[in-house]
Structures are given as C-alpha cells and as structure tokens.
Amino acid sequence: MNQKYIFLLCLIFFNNISANIFNDKTNITAERIEYNQNSNEVSFLNNVQINSNTLSITASTAIYNNESNLFSIKGLPSTIKSNNSKRAFNGKADEILLFSDEKVHLIGNANIKIDNMSISSKLIIFNPITGKIFSN
C-alpha cells in the first residue's frame, strides 16, 4: 500500500482520538505500518516510538483500533515515561493499553516509579494527566 495513503489514514485516525494524552504534536515511528480496513486498525510494527507532550513509549508493536479508540502496545517489555516534569513517572510492562478516557493500563510484569514511590503488580492503572494510580 502506498506510504502516503497510510500516512493520511493515520492522520485521520489520530485526529479522532479524544484523549488528552495525545495532541497535535504526537509523533509515532515504526519500521513498518499496516492498515487493515476490515478491522479498522492501524498497526505499527518493529521499533515503535510514540512521543507526545505528555509521554513517550517504546515498544515492539502498537495497534490502534479506531472503533474502540484504543492503543494496544506490546514489547518485552514496553516502556513508558513522562514528558511532563510536573507529573514525572516511568514504567514498563509486557503490554500497555491507552484508553480515550486518559487511563493507561500496564499489564503483565508491570512496574511504575512515581516520585519516590515504586509499584510492581500484574496490573497497574493510572492517569498520566492527574497522577491518580491504582493497582491490583
């Protein structure tokens, strides 16, 4: 598929994301990008980097589903860190889910460091905008 066509599709998808963790200055890079019209998904494959004013993520793959407005990010592990000095954090997990309601789920071998606190769990849910954090 034509690279320009995929790029335009990605712009359309990301303009529909309502979460404040992404904004007009979000950059996503990957070695390969695929669009699946049947599932309405864009896949970013190999050496994925997602950067916004709020956060940076490094992973193996990221899949954005336009219907559920959800990013599913996987790696061994995937890493996430804050780009906001007022809400500093860094973490890692086998999978990271980014929801449109500004919640981030770290799933599988998850850990996060916020200020002087470190949390490890199978599942950590937090909001990078407000700093609220939950763990199971």
N, C-alpha and C. Protein backbone atom coordinates (compact mmCIF):
# COMPACT_ATOMS: atom_id res chain seq x y z
N MET A 1 0.85 -1.18 0.00
CA MET A 1 0.00 0.00 0.00
C MET A 1 0.89 1.24 0.00
N ASN A 2 0.46 2.22 -0.68
CA ASN A 2 1.22 3.45 -0.83
C ASN A 2 1.46 4.11 0.54
N GLN A 3 2.74 4.46 0.81
CA GLN A 3 3.12 5.07 2.10
C GLN A 3 2.34 6.36 2.38
N LYS A 4 2.10 7.17 1.35
CA LYS A 4 1.37 8.42 1.55
C LYS A 4 -0.07 8.14 1.97
N TYR A 5 -0.69 7.11 1.38
CA TYR A 5 -2.05 6.74 1.73
C TYR A 5 -2.12 6.31 3.20
N ILE A 6 -1.18 5.49 3.63
CA ILE A 6 -1.14 5.04 5.02
C ILE A 6 -0.95 6.24 5.95
N PHE A 7 -0.06 7.15 5.58
CA PHE A 7 0.19 8.33 6.40
C PHE A 7 -1.10 9.16 6.55
N LEU A 8 -1.82 9.37 5.46
CA LEU A 8 -3.07 10.14 5.52
C LEU A 8 -4.11 9.43 6.38
N LEU A 9 -4.20 8.11 6.27
CA LEU A 9 -5.12 7.36 7.12
C LEU A 9 -4.77 7.53 8.58
N CYS A 10 -3.49 7.48 8.90
CA CYS A 10 -3.05 7.66 10.29
C CYS A 10 -3.43 9.04 10.80
N LEU A 11 -3.27 10.06 9.98
CA LEU A 11 -3.65 11.41 10.40
C LEU A 11 -5.14 11.48 10.71
N ILE A 12 -5.95 10.85 9.86
CA ILE A 12 -7.39 10.85 10.10
C ILE A 12 -7.72 10.14 11.40
N PHE A 13 -7.11 8.96 11.63
CA PHE A 13 -7.35 8.21 12.85
C PHE A 13 -6.98 9.03 14.07
N PHE A 14 -5.79 9.60 14.10
CA PHE A 14 -5.31 10.27 15.29
C PHE A 14 -6.01 11.58 15.55
N ASN A 15 -6.61 12.17 14.52
CA ASN A 15 -7.42 13.36 14.75
C ASN A 15 -8.72 13.00 15.48
N ASN A 16 -9.11 11.73 15.43
CA ASN A 16 -10.32 11.29 16.10
C ASN A 16 -10.07 10.86 17.55
N ILE A 17 -8.84 10.74 17.97
CA ILE A 17 -8.55 10.31 19.34
C ILE A 17 -8.89 11.45 20.28
N SER A 18 -9.72 11.16 21.28
CA SER A 18 -10.19 12.23 22.16
C SER A 18 -9.35 12.38 23.43
N ALA A 19 -8.44 11.48 23.68
CA ALA A 19 -7.67 11.54 24.92
C ALA A 19 -6.72 12.72 24.92
N ASN A 20 -6.56 13.32 26.09
CA ASN A 20 -5.62 14.43 26.22
C ASN A 20 -4.17 13.96 26.29
N ILE A 21 -3.92 12.64 26.38
CA ILE A 21 -2.54 12.19 26.40
C ILE A 21 -1.91 12.30 25.02
N PHE A 22 -2.76 12.45 24.00
CA PHE A 22 -2.26 12.72 22.66
C PHE A 22 -2.70 14.11 22.25
N ASN A 23 -1.91 14.71 21.40
CA ASN A 23 -2.24 16.05 20.94
C ASN A 23 -1.70 16.22 19.53
N ASP A 24 -1.77 17.43 19.01
CA ASP A 24 -1.32 17.65 17.64
C ASP A 24 0.18 17.49 17.46
N LYS A 25 0.93 17.32 18.54
CA LYS A 25 2.38 17.14 18.45
C LYS A 25 2.79 15.70 18.75
N THR A 26 1.89 14.75 18.55
CA THR A 26 2.21 13.34 18.76
C THR A 26 2.92 12.80 17.53
N ASN A 27 4.05 12.13 17.76
CA ASN A 27 4.81 11.50 16.69
C ASN A 27 4.88 10.01 16.94
N ILE A 28 4.62 9.22 15.91
CA ILE A 28 4.73 7.77 16.01
C ILE A 28 5.63 7.30 14.87
N THR A 29 6.66 6.53 15.24
CA THR A 29 7.54 5.98 14.22
C THR A 29 7.61 4.47 14.42
N ALA A 30 7.82 3.77 13.31
CA ALA A 30 7.96 2.32 13.31
C ALA A 30 8.63 1.91 12.00
N GLU A 31 9.20 0.72 12.00
CA GLU A 31 9.83 0.23 10.77
C GLU A 31 8.79 -0.08 9.70
N ARG A 32 7.58 -0.50 10.13
CA ARG A 32 6.53 -0.85 9.18
C ARG A 32 5.17 -0.41 9.73
N ILE A 33 4.32 0.07 8.84
CA ILE A 33 2.97 0.48 9.21
C ILE A 33 2.00 -0.22 8.27
N GLU A 34 0.95 -0.81 8.86
CA GLU A 34 -0.06 -1.51 8.06
C GLU A 34 -1.44 -1.02 8.46
N TYR A 35 -2.32 -0.93 7.45
CA TYR A 35 -3.71 -0.57 7.70
C TYR A 35 -4.59 -1.74 7.31
N ASN A 36 -5.47 -2.17 8.22
CA ASN A 36 -6.41 -3.25 7.95
C ASN A 36 -7.80 -2.63 7.90
N GLN A 37 -8.34 -2.51 6.71
CA GLN A 37 -9.63 -1.86 6.53
C GLN A 37 -10.75 -2.68 7.19
N ASN A 38 -10.67 -4.01 7.15
CA ASN A 38 -11.72 -4.86 7.72
C ASN A 38 -11.86 -4.66 9.23
N SER A 39 -10.74 -4.56 9.94
CA SER A 39 -10.79 -4.39 11.39
C SER A 39 -10.71 -2.92 11.81
N ASN A 40 -10.50 -2.03 10.84
CA ASN A 40 -10.39 -0.60 11.11
C ASN A 40 -9.24 -0.31 12.08
N GLU A 41 -8.08 -0.94 11.81
CA GLU A 41 -6.91 -0.82 12.68
C GLU A 41 -5.68 -0.40 11.88
N VAL A 42 -4.82 0.34 12.58
CA VAL A 42 -3.50 0.67 12.05
C VAL A 42 -2.49 -0.02 12.96
N SER A 43 -1.59 -0.79 12.36
CA SER A 43 -0.55 -1.50 13.12
C SER A 43 0.79 -0.84 12.87
N PHE A 44 1.51 -0.60 13.95
CA PHE A 44 2.87 -0.08 13.89
C PHE A 44 3.77 -1.22 14.36
N LEU A 45 4.71 -1.64 13.52
CA LEU A 45 5.46 -2.84 13.78
C LEU A 45 6.96 -2.58 13.81
N ASN A 46 7.63 -3.16 14.79
CA ASN A 46 9.09 -3.12 14.95
C ASN A 46 9.63 -1.74 15.31
N ASN A 47 10.29 -1.67 16.44
CA ASN A 47 10.93 -0.44 16.93
C ASN A 47 9.97 0.75 16.96
N VAL A 48 8.88 0.58 17.68
CA VAL A 48 7.85 1.62 17.75
C VAL A 48 8.24 2.66 18.79
N GLN A 49 8.11 3.91 18.42
CA GLN A 49 8.34 5.05 19.31
C GLN A 49 7.12 5.95 19.22
N ILE A 50 6.50 6.23 20.37
CA ILE A 50 5.36 7.15 20.44
C ILE A 50 5.77 8.29 21.37
N ASN A 51 5.70 9.50 20.87
CA ASN A 51 6.10 10.67 21.67
C ASN A 51 5.04 11.76 21.56
N SER A 52 4.62 12.27 22.71
CA SER A 52 3.72 13.42 22.76
C SER A 52 4.26 14.37 23.83
N ASN A 53 3.57 15.47 24.04
CA ASN A 53 3.98 16.38 25.11
C ASN A 53 3.85 15.73 26.47
N THR A 54 2.94 14.76 26.59
CA THR A 54 2.65 14.12 27.87
C THR A 54 3.53 12.93 28.17
N LEU A 55 3.77 12.06 27.16
CA LEU A 55 4.51 10.83 27.43
C LEU A 55 5.28 10.33 26.22
N SER A 56 6.21 9.39 26.51
CA SER A 56 6.98 8.68 25.48
C SER A 56 6.86 7.19 25.74
N ILE A 57 6.68 6.43 24.68
CA ILE A 57 6.56 4.98 24.78
C ILE A 57 7.49 4.34 23.77
N THR A 58 8.16 3.26 24.20
CA THR A 58 8.99 2.44 23.32
C THR A 58 8.44 1.03 23.37
N ALA A 59 8.26 0.39 22.21
CA ALA A 59 7.65 -0.94 22.17
C ALA A 59 8.04 -1.68 20.90
N SER A 60 7.62 -2.94 20.85
CA SER A 60 7.81 -3.75 19.63
C SER A 60 6.69 -3.50 18.63
N THR A 61 5.44 -3.45 19.13
CA THR A 61 4.29 -3.23 18.26
C THR A 61 3.27 -2.33 18.95
N ALA A 62 2.49 -1.65 18.15
CA ALA A 62 1.37 -0.86 18.65
C ALA A 62 0.25 -0.98 17.63
N ILE A 63 -0.96 -1.23 18.13
CA ILE A 63 -2.12 -1.34 17.25
C ILE A 63 -3.16 -0.34 17.73
N TYR A 64 -3.59 0.51 16.81
CA TYR A 64 -4.65 1.46 17.14
C TYR A 64 -5.93 1.00 16.47
N ASN A 65 -6.98 0.80 17.28
CA ASN A 65 -8.29 0.42 16.77
C ASN A 65 -9.17 1.65 16.80
N ASN A 66 -9.61 2.08 15.63
CA ASN A 66 -10.39 3.30 15.52
C ASN A 66 -11.78 3.17 16.11
N GLU A 67 -12.39 1.98 16.06
CA GLU A 67 -13.73 1.80 16.60
C GLU A 67 -13.75 1.85 18.12
N SER A 68 -12.78 1.21 18.77
CA SER A 68 -12.73 1.22 20.23
C SER A 68 -11.91 2.38 20.78
N ASN A 69 -11.25 3.13 19.88
CA ASN A 69 -10.42 4.27 20.28
C ASN A 69 -9.37 3.83 21.30
N LEU A 70 -8.68 2.72 21.00
CA LEU A 70 -7.76 2.09 21.93
C LEU A 70 -6.42 1.79 21.25
N PHE A 71 -5.33 2.13 21.95
CA PHE A 71 -4.00 1.70 21.55
C PHE A 71 -3.61 0.50 22.40
N SER A 72 -3.21 -0.59 21.74
CA SER A 72 -2.66 -1.75 22.42
C SER A 72 -1.18 -1.83 22.04
N ILE A 73 -0.30 -1.74 23.04
CA ILE A 73 1.13 -1.62 22.79
C ILE A 73 1.82 -2.79 23.48
N LYS A 74 2.68 -3.50 22.74
CA LYS A 74 3.34 -4.67 23.31
C LYS A 74 4.84 -4.63 23.06
N GLY A 75 5.57 -5.25 23.98
CA GLY A 75 7.01 -5.36 23.86
C GLY A 75 7.53 -6.25 24.97
N LEU A 76 8.79 -6.47 24.97
CA LEU A 76 9.39 -7.32 26.01
C LEU A 76 10.48 -6.57 26.75
N PRO A 77 10.20 -5.67 27.61
CA PRO A 77 8.90 -5.05 27.85
C PRO A 77 8.73 -3.78 27.03
N SER A 78 7.55 -3.21 27.12
CA SER A 78 7.30 -1.87 26.61
C SER A 78 7.61 -0.90 27.73
N THR A 79 8.13 0.25 27.39
CA THR A 79 8.45 1.25 28.41
C THR A 79 7.63 2.51 28.17
N ILE A 80 7.34 3.20 29.27
CA ILE A 80 6.58 4.44 29.21
C ILE A 80 7.22 5.42 30.18
N LYS A 81 7.31 6.69 29.78
CA LYS A 81 7.83 7.70 30.69
C LYS A 81 7.14 9.03 30.43
N SER A 82 7.16 9.84 31.44
CA SER A 82 6.52 11.15 31.38
C SER A 82 7.41 12.14 30.64
N ASN A 83 6.78 13.01 29.89
CA ASN A 83 7.47 14.15 29.29
C ASN A 83 7.06 15.44 29.98
N ASN A 84 6.39 15.31 31.14
CA ASN A 84 5.91 16.46 31.90
C ASN A 84 6.60 16.46 33.26
N SER A 85 7.43 17.42 33.52
CA SER A 85 8.19 17.45 34.77
C SER A 85 7.29 17.59 36.01
N LYS A 86 6.07 18.09 35.85
CA LYS A 86 5.16 18.21 36.99
C LYS A 86 4.51 16.88 37.35
N ARG A 87 4.45 15.93 36.44
CA ARG A 87 3.87 14.60 36.65
C ARG A 87 4.88 13.54 36.21
N ALA A 88 6.05 13.56 36.81
CA ALA A 88 7.13 12.65 36.41
C ALA A 88 6.83 11.21 36.80
N PHE A 89 7.02 10.29 35.86
CA PHE A 89 6.89 8.87 36.11
C PHE A 89 7.65 8.11 35.03
N ASN A 90 7.97 6.86 35.32
CA ASN A 90 8.45 5.95 34.29
C ASN A 90 8.05 4.55 34.69
N GLY A 91 7.78 3.72 33.68
CA GLY A 91 7.33 2.37 33.96
C GLY A 91 7.59 1.44 32.81
N LYS A 92 7.25 0.17 33.03
CA LYS A 92 7.38 -0.82 31.97
C LYS A 92 6.38 -1.94 32.24
N ALA A 93 6.03 -2.67 31.17
CA ALA A 93 5.10 -3.79 31.27
C ALA A 93 5.17 -4.57 29.96
N ASP A 94 4.62 -5.79 30.01
CA ASP A 94 4.54 -6.59 28.79
C ASP A 94 3.59 -5.95 27.78
N GLU A 95 2.51 -5.33 28.30
CA GLU A 95 1.54 -4.68 27.43
C GLU A 95 1.09 -3.37 28.07
N ILE A 96 0.88 -2.37 27.23
CA ILE A 96 0.37 -1.08 27.67
C ILE A 96 -0.89 -0.78 26.86
N LEU A 97 -1.97 -0.44 27.55
CA LEU A 97 -3.20 -0.04 26.88
C LEU A 97 -3.43 1.43 27.15
N LEU A 98 -3.69 2.20 26.09
CA LEU A 98 -4.00 3.62 26.21
C LEU A 98 -5.46 3.81 25.83
N PHE A 99 -6.26 4.28 26.77
CA PHE A 99 -7.69 4.46 26.55
C PHE A 99 -8.01 5.93 26.29
N SER A 100 -9.13 6.17 25.65
CA SER A 100 -9.54 7.54 25.33
C SER A 100 -9.95 8.33 26.56
N ASP A 101 -10.18 7.66 27.70
CA ASP A 101 -10.56 8.38 28.92
C ASP A 101 -9.33 8.78 29.75
N GLU A 102 -8.16 8.77 29.11
CA GLU A 102 -6.89 9.18 29.71
C GLU A 102 -6.31 8.16 30.67
N LYS A 103 -6.88 6.96 30.75
CA LYS A 103 -6.31 5.94 31.61
C LYS A 103 -5.30 5.11 30.83
N VAL A 104 -4.24 4.73 31.54
CA VAL A 104 -3.20 3.88 30.99
C VAL A 104 -3.16 2.62 31.83
N HIS A 105 -3.18 1.47 31.18
CA HIS A 105 -3.07 0.19 31.88
C HIS A 105 -1.72 -0.43 31.56
N LEU A 106 -0.95 -0.76 32.58
CA LEU A 106 0.28 -1.51 32.43
C LEU A 106 -0.07 -2.94 32.83
N ILE A 107 0.13 -3.90 31.91
CA ILE A 107 -0.33 -5.27 32.13
C ILE A 107 0.82 -6.24 32.00
N GLY A 108 0.96 -7.14 32.96
CA GLY A 108 1.98 -8.18 32.91
C GLY A 108 3.35 -7.67 33.31
N ASN A 109 3.90 -8.17 34.40
CA ASN A 109 5.22 -7.74 34.89
C ASN A 109 5.32 -6.22 34.91
N ALA A 110 4.28 -5.59 35.42
CA ALA A 110 4.19 -4.13 35.40
C ALA A 110 4.88 -3.51 36.59
N ASN A 111 5.57 -2.41 36.33
CA ASN A 111 6.07 -1.59 37.43
C ASN A 111 6.12 -0.14 36.99
N ILE A 112 5.97 0.72 37.98
CA ILE A 112 5.98 2.15 37.71
C ILE A 112 6.65 2.86 38.88
N LYS A 113 7.38 3.89 38.56
CA LYS A 113 8.02 4.75 39.57
C LYS A 113 7.46 6.15 39.40
N ILE A 114 6.88 6.64 40.49
CA ILE A 114 6.35 8.00 40.52
C ILE A 114 6.90 8.66 41.77
N ASP A 115 7.56 9.79 41.58
CA ASP A 115 8.22 10.48 42.68
C ASP A 115 9.16 9.50 43.40
N ASN A 116 8.99 9.31 44.70
CA ASN A 116 9.84 8.39 45.45
C ASN A 116 9.17 7.04 45.69
N MET A 117 8.11 6.75 44.93
CA MET A 117 7.34 5.53 45.13
C MET A 117 7.54 4.59 43.94
N SER A 118 7.66 3.29 44.23
CA SER A 118 7.77 2.28 43.19
C SER A 118 6.70 1.21 43.42
N ILE A 119 5.93 0.88 42.37
CA ILE A 119 4.87 -0.11 42.47
C ILE A 119 5.10 -1.19 41.43
N SER A 120 4.97 -2.46 41.85
CA SER A 120 5.04 -3.60 40.94
C SER A 120 3.77 -4.42 41.12
N SER A 121 3.19 -4.88 40.00
CA SER A 121 1.95 -5.64 40.06
C SER A 121 1.70 -6.28 38.69
N LYS A 122 0.69 -7.16 38.63
CA LYS A 122 0.27 -7.72 37.35
C LYS A 122 -0.45 -6.67 36.52
N LEU A 123 -1.15 -5.75 37.20
CA LEU A 123 -1.91 -4.70 36.54
C LEU A 123 -1.79 -3.41 37.33
N ILE A 124 -1.41 -2.37 36.63
CA ILE A 124 -1.36 -1.03 37.22
C ILE A 124 -2.16 -0.11 36.30
N ILE A 125 -3.08 0.64 36.89
CA ILE A 125 -3.90 1.58 36.12
C ILE A 125 -3.59 2.98 36.65
N PHE A 126 -3.29 3.89 35.74
CA PHE A 126 -3.02 5.26 36.18
C PHE A 126 -3.43 6.26 35.12
N ASN A 127 -3.51 7.49 35.54
CA ASN A 127 -3.84 8.60 34.67
C ASN A 127 -2.63 9.52 34.62
N PRO A 128 -1.95 9.61 33.49
CA PRO A 128 -0.74 10.45 33.43
C PRO A 128 -1.03 11.94 33.52
N ILE A 129 -2.28 12.34 33.32
CA ILE A 129 -2.65 13.74 33.42
C ILE A 129 -2.85 14.16 34.87
N THR A 130 -3.61 13.35 35.64
CA THR A 130 -3.93 13.70 37.02
C THR A 130 -2.97 13.10 38.03
N GLY A 131 -2.27 12.03 37.65
CA GLY A 131 -1.36 11.36 38.57
C GLY A 131 -2.01 10.30 39.44
N LYS A 132 -3.33 10.09 39.30
CA LYS A 132 -4.01 9.05 40.10
C LYS A 132 -3.53 7.68 39.63
N ILE A 133 -3.34 6.77 40.61
CA ILE A 133 -2.82 5.44 40.31
C ILE A 133 -3.58 4.39 41.09
N PHE A 134 -3.79 3.23 40.46
CA PHE A 134 -4.47 2.08 41.06
C PHE A 134 -3.66 0.85 40.77
N SER A 135 -3.73 -0.16 41.62
CA SER A 135 -3.02 -1.41 41.39
C SER A 135 -3.87 -2.59 41.87
N ASN A 136 -3.76 -3.72 41.20
CA ASN A 136 -4.44 -4.95 41.60
C ASN A 136 -3.42 -5.96 42.07
